[in-house]
Protein backbone atom coordinates (compact mmCIF):
# COMPACT_ATOMS: atom_id res chain seq x y z
CA MET A 1 0.00 0.00 0.00
CA ASN A 2 2.85 2.44 0.75
CA GLU A 3 4.19 1.94 -2.77
CA TYR A 4 0.71 2.69 -4.15
CA ILE A 5 0.45 5.90 -2.11
CA GLN A 6 3.95 6.94 -3.18
CA HIS A 7 2.80 6.60 -6.80
CA MET A 8 -0.02 9.04 -6.01
CA ILE A 9 2.38 11.47 -4.32
CA ASP A 10 4.73 11.35 -7.31
CA TRP A 11 1.79 12.11 -9.65
CA ILE A 12 0.75 15.07 -7.48
CA GLU A 13 4.29 16.43 -7.20
CA ASP A 14 4.71 16.45 -10.98
CA ARG A 15 1.61 18.69 -11.25
CA LEU A 16 1.89 21.06 -8.27
CA LYS A 17 1.67 24.12 -10.50
CA GLU A 18 -1.42 22.84 -12.28
CA GLU A 19 -5.04 22.82 -11.13
CA PHE A 20 -5.48 19.66 -9.08
CA SER A 21 -7.96 17.08 -10.35
CA LEU A 22 -8.89 14.26 -8.02
CA GLU A 23 -10.73 12.65 -10.92
CA GLY A 24 -7.57 12.83 -13.03
CA LEU A 25 -5.53 11.19 -10.28
CA ALA A 26 -8.18 8.51 -9.76
CA SER A 27 -8.26 7.75 -13.49
CA HIS A 28 -4.47 7.48 -13.55
CA MET A 29 -4.45 5.14 -10.54
CA GLY A 30 -7.42 3.05 -11.69
CA TYR A 31 -9.49 3.53 -8.53
CA SER A 32 -12.41 5.71 -7.51
CA PRO A 33 -11.79 9.31 -6.34
CA TYR A 34 -13.17 8.43 -2.90
CA TYR A 35 -10.85 5.43 -2.51
CA CYS A 36 -7.78 7.45 -3.56
CA SER A 37 -8.63 10.27 -1.15
CA PHE A 38 -9.43 7.89 1.73
CA LYS A 39 -6.28 5.77 1.36
CA PHE A 40 -4.04 8.83 0.98
CA HIS A 41 -5.31 10.25 4.28
CA GLN A 42 -5.16 6.87 5.99
CA VAL A 43 -1.52 6.27 5.09
CA THR A 44 -0.13 9.82 5.30
CA GLY A 45 -2.16 11.29 8.14
CA ILE A 46 -3.02 14.38 6.05
CA SER A 47 -5.70 15.12 3.49
CA MET A 48 -4.65 15.30 -0.14
CA ARG A 49 -5.77 18.91 -0.55
CA ARG A 50 -3.99 20.00 2.63
CA TYR A 51 -0.80 18.34 1.42
CA ILE A 52 -1.01 20.14 -1.93
CA LEU A 53 -1.69 23.48 -0.19
CA LEU A 54 1.33 23.11 2.11
CA ARG A 55 3.68 21.95 -0.64
CA ARG A 56 2.68 24.78 -3.00
CA LEU A 57 3.09 27.43 -0.32
CA TYR A 58 6.45 26.06 0.82
CA LEU A 59 7.81 25.91 -2.72
CA SER A 60 6.62 29.47 -3.27
CA THR A 61 8.90 30.68 -0.45
CA GLU A 62 11.86 29.90 -2.70
CA ASP A 63 10.42 32.28 -5.32
CA LEU A 64 9.87 34.94 -2.66
CA VAL A 65 13.51 34.72 -1.56
CA MET A 66 14.48 35.32 -5.20
CA ASN A 67 12.39 38.53 -5.06
CA ARG A 68 9.97 37.52 -7.81
CA LYS A 69 6.78 39.55 -8.05
CA ILE A 70 4.15 38.18 -5.71
CA ILE A 71 1.40 38.36 -8.33
CA ASP A 72 3.53 36.22 -10.66
CA ILE A 73 4.13 33.66 -7.90
CA ALA A 74 0.40 33.52 -7.13
CA THR A 75 -0.35 32.91 -10.79
CA ASP A 76 2.33 30.22 -11.07
CA TYR A 77 0.80 28.25 -8.21
CA ASN A 78 -2.73 28.51 -9.62
CA TYR A 79 -4.19 31.05 -7.18
CA SER A 80 -7.10 33.16 -8.42
CA SER A 81 -5.51 36.38 -7.16
CA GLN A 82 -2.58 37.78 -5.19
CA GLU A 83 -4.95 38.33 -2.28
CA ALA A 84 -6.03 34.66 -2.23
CA TYR A 85 -2.41 33.54 -2.26
CA SER A 86 -1.50 35.98 0.55
CA ARG A 87 -4.39 34.80 2.72
CA ALA A 88 -3.40 31.15 2.33
CA PHE A 89 0.26 32.00 2.92
CA LYS A 90 -0.42 33.88 6.15
CA SER A 91 -2.65 31.10 7.46
CA VAL A 92 0.30 28.68 7.25
CA PHE A 93 3.34 30.85 8.01
CA GLY A 94 1.87 33.58 10.21
CA ILE A 95 3.16 36.45 8.06
CA SER A 96 2.40 37.82 4.59
CA PRO A 97 4.46 36.90 1.52
CA SER A 98 5.74 40.49 1.27
CA GLU A 99 6.93 40.41 4.88
CA LEU A 100 8.80 37.13 4.34
CA GLN A 101 10.32 38.62 1.20
CA ARG A 102 11.42 41.71 3.11
CA ARG A 103 12.73 40.05 6.29
CA GLN A 104 14.06 36.74 4.88
CA MET A 105 13.07 34.66 7.93
CA PRO A 106 13.36 30.85 8.11
CA VAL A 107 10.29 28.66 7.61
CA GLN A 108 9.65 25.06 8.55
CA SER A 109 10.45 22.81 5.58
CA ILE A 110 7.45 21.07 4.03
CA THR A 111 9.15 18.43 1.94
CA LYS A 112 7.79 15.82 -0.42
CA LEU A 113 6.26 12.90 1.47
CA MET A 114 8.11 9.60 1.09
CA THR A 115 6.05 6.59 2.14
CA TYR A 116 8.01 4.18 -0.05
CA SER A 117 11.56 4.66 -1.29
CA GLY A 118 12.41 1.25 -2.75
CA GLU A 119 16.01 0.08 -2.70
CA GLY A 120 18.69 2.67 -2.24
CA GLY A 121 16.22 5.31 -1.13
CA ASN A 122 18.22 6.65 1.78
CA ARG A 123 19.81 10.02 1.23
CA MET A 124 23.28 10.83 2.50
CA THR A 125 23.59 14.10 4.40
CA ALA A 126 26.52 16.48 4.11
CA PRO A 127 29.08 16.42 6.94
CA ARG A 128 28.38 19.02 9.61
CA GLU A 129 31.99 20.23 9.41
CA THR A 130 31.35 21.45 5.85
CA GLU A 131 28.34 23.54 6.80
CA VAL A 132 30.00 24.96 9.93
CA SER A 133 33.06 25.92 7.90
CA HIS A 134 30.76 27.80 5.54
CA LEU A 135 29.27 29.68 8.51
CA GLN A 136 32.72 30.59 9.81
CA SER A 137 33.63 32.21 6.51
CA LYS A 138 30.61 34.50 6.90
CA LYS A 139 30.71 35.28 10.65
CA SER A 140 34.07 34.40 12.21
CA GLU A 141 33.34 36.29 15.47
CA LEU A 142 30.97 33.49 16.50
CA PHE A 143 33.94 31.13 16.86
CA ASP A 144 35.68 33.09 19.66
CA GLN A 145 35.90 32.59 23.42
CA ASP A 146 33.08 35.01 24.29
CA VAL A 147 30.50 32.83 22.52
CA LEU A 148 28.25 30.13 24.00
CA ASN A 149 26.62 27.56 21.74
CA ILE A 150 23.49 25.97 23.20
CA LEU A 151 22.69 22.78 21.32
CA ASN A 152 19.48 20.77 21.26
CA GLY A 153 20.34 17.51 23.00
CA GLN A 154 23.32 15.65 24.40
CA VAL A 155 24.32 13.88 21.17
CA MET A 156 24.70 17.10 19.21
CA TYR A 157 26.53 18.72 22.13
CA GLU A 158 29.05 15.91 22.39
CA GLU A 159 29.77 15.99 18.65
CA PHE A 160 30.27 19.76 18.55
CA LYS A 161 32.39 19.84 21.69
CA SER A 162 34.61 16.85 20.87
CA LYS A 163 35.31 18.15 17.36
CA LYS A 164 35.47 21.82 18.44
CA LEU A 165 33.26 22.65 15.49
CA MET A 166 32.77 26.20 16.73
CA GLY A 167 36.46 26.85 17.47
CA ASN A 168 37.30 28.29 20.89
CA SER A 169 33.71 29.02 21.88
CA ASP A 170 31.89 27.24 24.71
CA TYR A 171 29.18 24.57 24.43
CA ALA A 172 26.16 23.52 26.49
CA PRO A 173 23.32 21.05 25.78
CA PHE A 174 19.63 21.59 26.36
CA ASN A 175 18.43 18.14 27.37
CA GLU A 176 14.66 18.61 27.54
CA ALA A 177 11.44 17.78 25.71
CA MET A 178 9.32 20.85 26.41
CA CYS A 179 6.67 19.75 23.90
CA VAL A 180 5.31 17.24 26.43
CA HIS A 181 4.11 17.54 30.05
CA GLU A 182 3.24 20.62 32.07
CA THR A 183 5.54 23.51 32.86
CA THR A 184 5.58 26.72 34.93
CA THR A 185 6.01 30.43 34.21
CA PRO A 186 9.29 30.95 36.13
CA ILE A 187 11.87 28.90 34.24
CA PHE A 188 14.43 26.67 36.01
CA ASP A 189 13.30 27.59 39.55
CA SER A 190 12.44 24.91 42.12
CA THR A 191 8.77 24.71 41.08
CA PHE A 192 9.73 24.34 37.43
CA ILE A 193 12.19 21.57 38.30
CA ARG A 194 9.66 19.66 40.42
CA THR A 195 6.96 19.99 37.75
CA ARG A 196 9.18 18.86 34.89
CA ALA A 197 10.79 16.03 36.87
CA PHE A 198 7.33 14.72 37.82
CA GLY A 199 6.19 14.87 34.19
CA HIS A 200 9.21 12.92 32.98
CA ASP A 201 8.91 10.48 35.92
CA VAL A 202 12.48 11.07 37.11
CA SER A 203 13.94 12.19 40.42
CA ILE A 204 14.63 15.86 41.06
CA GLU A 205 18.33 15.04 41.42
CA SER A 206 18.38 13.28 38.08
CA TYR A 207 16.58 16.16 36.37
CA ILE A 208 18.95 18.74 37.80
CA GLY A 209 21.95 16.72 36.69
CA LYS A 210 20.66 16.22 33.16
CA VAL A 211 18.95 19.54 32.38
CA ILE A 212 19.93 22.26 34.85
CA GLN A 213 23.59 21.57 35.59
CA PRO A 214 24.82 21.81 31.96
CA LEU A 215 23.28 25.30 31.70
CA THR A 216 24.96 26.78 34.77
CA VAL A 217 27.69 28.00 32.40
CA LEU A 218 25.27 30.83 31.59
CA ASP A 219 25.81 32.21 35.11
CA GLN A 220 29.57 31.73 35.11
CA LYS A 221 30.58 33.95 32.20
CA ASN A 222 29.35 37.05 30.41
CA TYR A 223 28.96 36.00 26.80
CA ASN A 224 28.78 38.59 24.04
CA TYR A 225 27.05 36.09 21.77
CA ILE A 226 24.79 33.10 22.31
CA VAL A 227 24.22 30.81 19.33
CA LEU A 228 21.20 28.51 19.56
CA TRP A 229 21.31 25.32 17.47
CA PHE A 230 17.77 23.96 17.12
CA GLY A 231 16.03 21.98 14.39
CA GLU A 232 12.92 23.03 12.49
CA ASP A 233 10.55 20.48 14.04
CA MET A 234 8.02 21.20 16.77
CA PHE A 235 10.04 19.32 19.43
CA CYS A 236 13.11 21.52 18.87
CA GLN A 237 11.17 24.75 18.47
CA MET A 238 9.43 24.37 21.84
CA ASN A 239 12.84 23.81 23.41
CA LEU A 240 14.11 26.91 21.60
CA LEU A 241 11.17 28.95 22.90
CA THR A 242 12.00 27.89 26.45
CA VAL A 243 15.66 28.88 26.14
CA LEU A 244 14.77 32.27 24.61
CA ALA A 245 12.26 32.89 27.41
CA TYR A 246 14.92 32.03 29.98
CA LEU A 247 17.42 34.43 28.40
CA GLU A 248 14.82 37.18 28.79
CA GLN A 249 14.07 36.11 32.35
CA SER A 250 17.78 36.29 33.20
CA GLU A 251 18.06 39.68 31.42
CA TYR A 252 20.73 38.60 28.98
CA LYS A 253 22.13 41.69 27.18
CA GLY A 254 24.25 40.15 24.43
CA THR A 255 23.39 39.18 20.86
CA VAL A 256 21.45 35.99 20.09
CA PHE A 257 21.64 34.01 16.86
CA LEU A 258 19.49 31.06 15.85
CA ASN A 259 21.09 28.41 13.66
CA SER A 260 18.08 26.40 12.44
CA PHE A 261 18.27 23.25 10.35
CA ARG A 262 16.34 20.19 9.22
CA GLU A 263 17.17 17.03 11.10
CA ASP A 264 17.61 15.00 7.91
CA GLU A 265 19.68 17.64 6.13
CA PHE A 266 22.19 19.77 8.03
CA LYS A 267 21.80 22.95 6.01
CA VAL A 268 21.90 25.84 8.46
CA THR A 269 19.90 29.07 8.24
CA GLN A 270 21.34 31.73 10.55
CA THR A 271 19.04 34.42 11.95
CA GLU A 272 19.73 37.15 14.49
CA LEU A 273 16.94 37.24 17.08
CA VAL A 274 15.75 40.19 19.15
CA LEU A 275 14.72 39.38 22.72
CA GLY A 276 11.72 41.05 24.27
CA SER A 277 8.53 38.99 23.87
CA TYR A 278 9.57 35.36 24.14
CA HIS A 279 8.72 34.95 27.83
CA SER A 280 5.18 36.12 27.14
CA ILE A 281 4.95 33.72 24.18
CA TYR A 282 6.31 30.88 26.35
CA ASP A 283 3.65 31.65 28.98
CA ASN A 284 0.84 31.74 26.40
CA VAL A 285 1.87 28.60 24.56
CA LEU A 286 3.67 26.18 26.89
CA VAL A 287 2.05 27.13 30.20
CA ASN A 288 -1.51 28.01 29.12
CA HIS A 289 -1.72 26.18 25.77
CA LYS A 290 -2.98 29.28 23.93
CA LYS A 291 -1.96 31.07 20.76
CA PRO A 292 0.72 33.72 21.35
CA SER A 293 -0.29 37.36 21.70
CA HIS A 294 2.88 38.45 19.87
CA GLN A 295 4.01 37.83 16.31
CA VAL A 296 6.66 35.14 15.96
CA MET A 297 8.91 34.09 13.09
CA PRO A 298 7.29 31.65 10.63
CA LEU A 299 9.39 28.71 11.80
CA MET A 300 8.10 29.04 15.36
CA TYR A 301 4.58 29.97 14.24
CA GLN A 302 4.25 26.68 12.39
CA ALA A 303 5.69 24.74 15.35
CA ILE A 304 3.31 26.40 17.80
CA GLY A 305 0.38 25.42 15.59
CA LEU A 306 1.55 21.79 15.68
CA TYR A 307 2.14 21.94 19.45
CA LEU A 308 -1.35 23.26 20.20
CA GLU A 309 -2.86 20.68 17.85
CA MET A 310 -0.99 17.92 19.69
CA GLN A 311 -2.60 19.03 22.98
CA THR A 312 -5.98 17.81 21.71
CA ASP A 313 -7.10 14.21 22.16
CA ASN A 314 -8.13 13.90 18.52
CA ASN A 315 -4.89 15.16 16.95
CA PRO A 316 -3.51 13.75 13.64
CA VAL A 317 -1.00 11.46 15.37
CA THR A 318 -3.51 9.82 17.74
CA LYS A 319 -5.97 9.43 14.85
CA TYR A 320 -3.29 7.77 12.76
CA ILE A 321 -2.41 5.40 15.62
CA ALA A 322 -6.09 4.54 16.11
CA ARG A 323 -6.55 3.79 12.40
CA ASN A 324 -3.45 1.60 12.30
CA ARG A 325 -3.60 -0.10 15.69
CA GLN A 326 -3.30 -3.50 13.97
CA LEU A 327 0.35 -2.76 13.11
CA SER A 328 3.14 -4.06 15.31
CA GLN A 329 4.68 -1.56 17.70
CA SER A 330 7.94 -1.38 15.75
CA GLU A 331 6.19 -0.89 12.40
CA LEU A 332 3.90 1.77 13.84
CA LEU A 333 6.85 3.66 15.30
CA LYS A 334 8.66 3.48 11.96
CA ARG A 335 5.67 4.93 10.13
CA LEU A 336 5.15 7.70 12.69
CA PHE A 337 8.74 8.86 12.23
CA GLU A 338 8.32 8.83 8.44
CA ILE A 339 4.92 10.50 8.24
CA PHE A 340 5.22 13.15 10.96
CA PRO A 341 8.82 14.45 10.68
CA MET A 342 7.79 17.98 11.65
CA ILE A 343 6.46 16.79 15.02
CA GLY A 344 9.95 15.69 16.05
CA TYR A 345 8.88 13.27 18.80
CA GLY A 346 11.28 10.55 19.88
CA ASP A 347 10.54 6.93 20.81
CA THR A 348 9.48 7.86 24.33
CA GLN A 349 6.88 10.43 23.31
CA TYR A 350 5.41 8.22 20.58
CA MET A 351 5.27 5.19 22.87
CA GLU A 352 3.29 7.20 25.41
CA LEU A 353 0.75 8.08 22.71
CA ILE A 354 0.60 4.52 21.35
CA ASN A 355 -0.06 3.09 24.82
CA LYS A 356 -2.67 5.78 25.51
CA VAL A 357 -4.58 5.08 22.29
CA ARG A 358 -4.35 1.31 22.56
């Protein structure tokens, strides 16, 4: 069935700039329109029309970066008007096409779905040293001793530190999963630690050792620059939001850069961030599970939408698990990783959902 769905995806991808015809796809596949639509949603966890919308809008961001006229981009992607394109764009990315064109902010990648790759389908990723070297040629001051790199997770931290990828700068990991369990408004105080440790079902001592202790370097040295290395997915972006909120809480006065990247492709987009509203956004989103009252960059806007959706019982992941409960645990996990890459959950988070649904 995955090979069949991949055939549908390939057909759709070849015609993204054309008017979509479910009847045309059904005729090509040799099944009814209803069956094609139903099986696509069952296997991918997303409706066909939603997939086409997201792919078209994401591909259009490449045209925006090249400063093409917005009306021409709208026409290329089969929108009836520039206004219709702008409305759809803002609903997904949180800002207008003209604002993205002007400010050149990162967005969450919406890549072609791959439900079946056949033999030799795995893609090799470029070495991280190559991408970091490219960054150094553009901004060498971020490789000095007055710089702290905060990296999402222990594995990434150990690689960067052991290889000294960022030269003489310092390194610290953020070993959390802020996209699950409750949290508190003051960050890293005793109440926060108790709440998070309880959620993760670990001792307070263990939590302090894993999460809090590595970050004490922030209090030991005045850094001119802090570079935050976080992926595009929802898991990483909620961690990023927490770190940014903490920097505001601790009244950090230096310059903050975000180095964002896709987990499957280490191509870094570097963005200078301005502190000032992230603690309020953290409180809205992670504490109260509400939409933020401040504008956020598209990358975080998309992640917040996914996070709030995942707080509901009938979210796309739980629905997918319920529809495919006959699969073995290992096969279900494999499919969840493939189909929902922008969620960013690990084994632990998915297993909690699988056990809850089953």
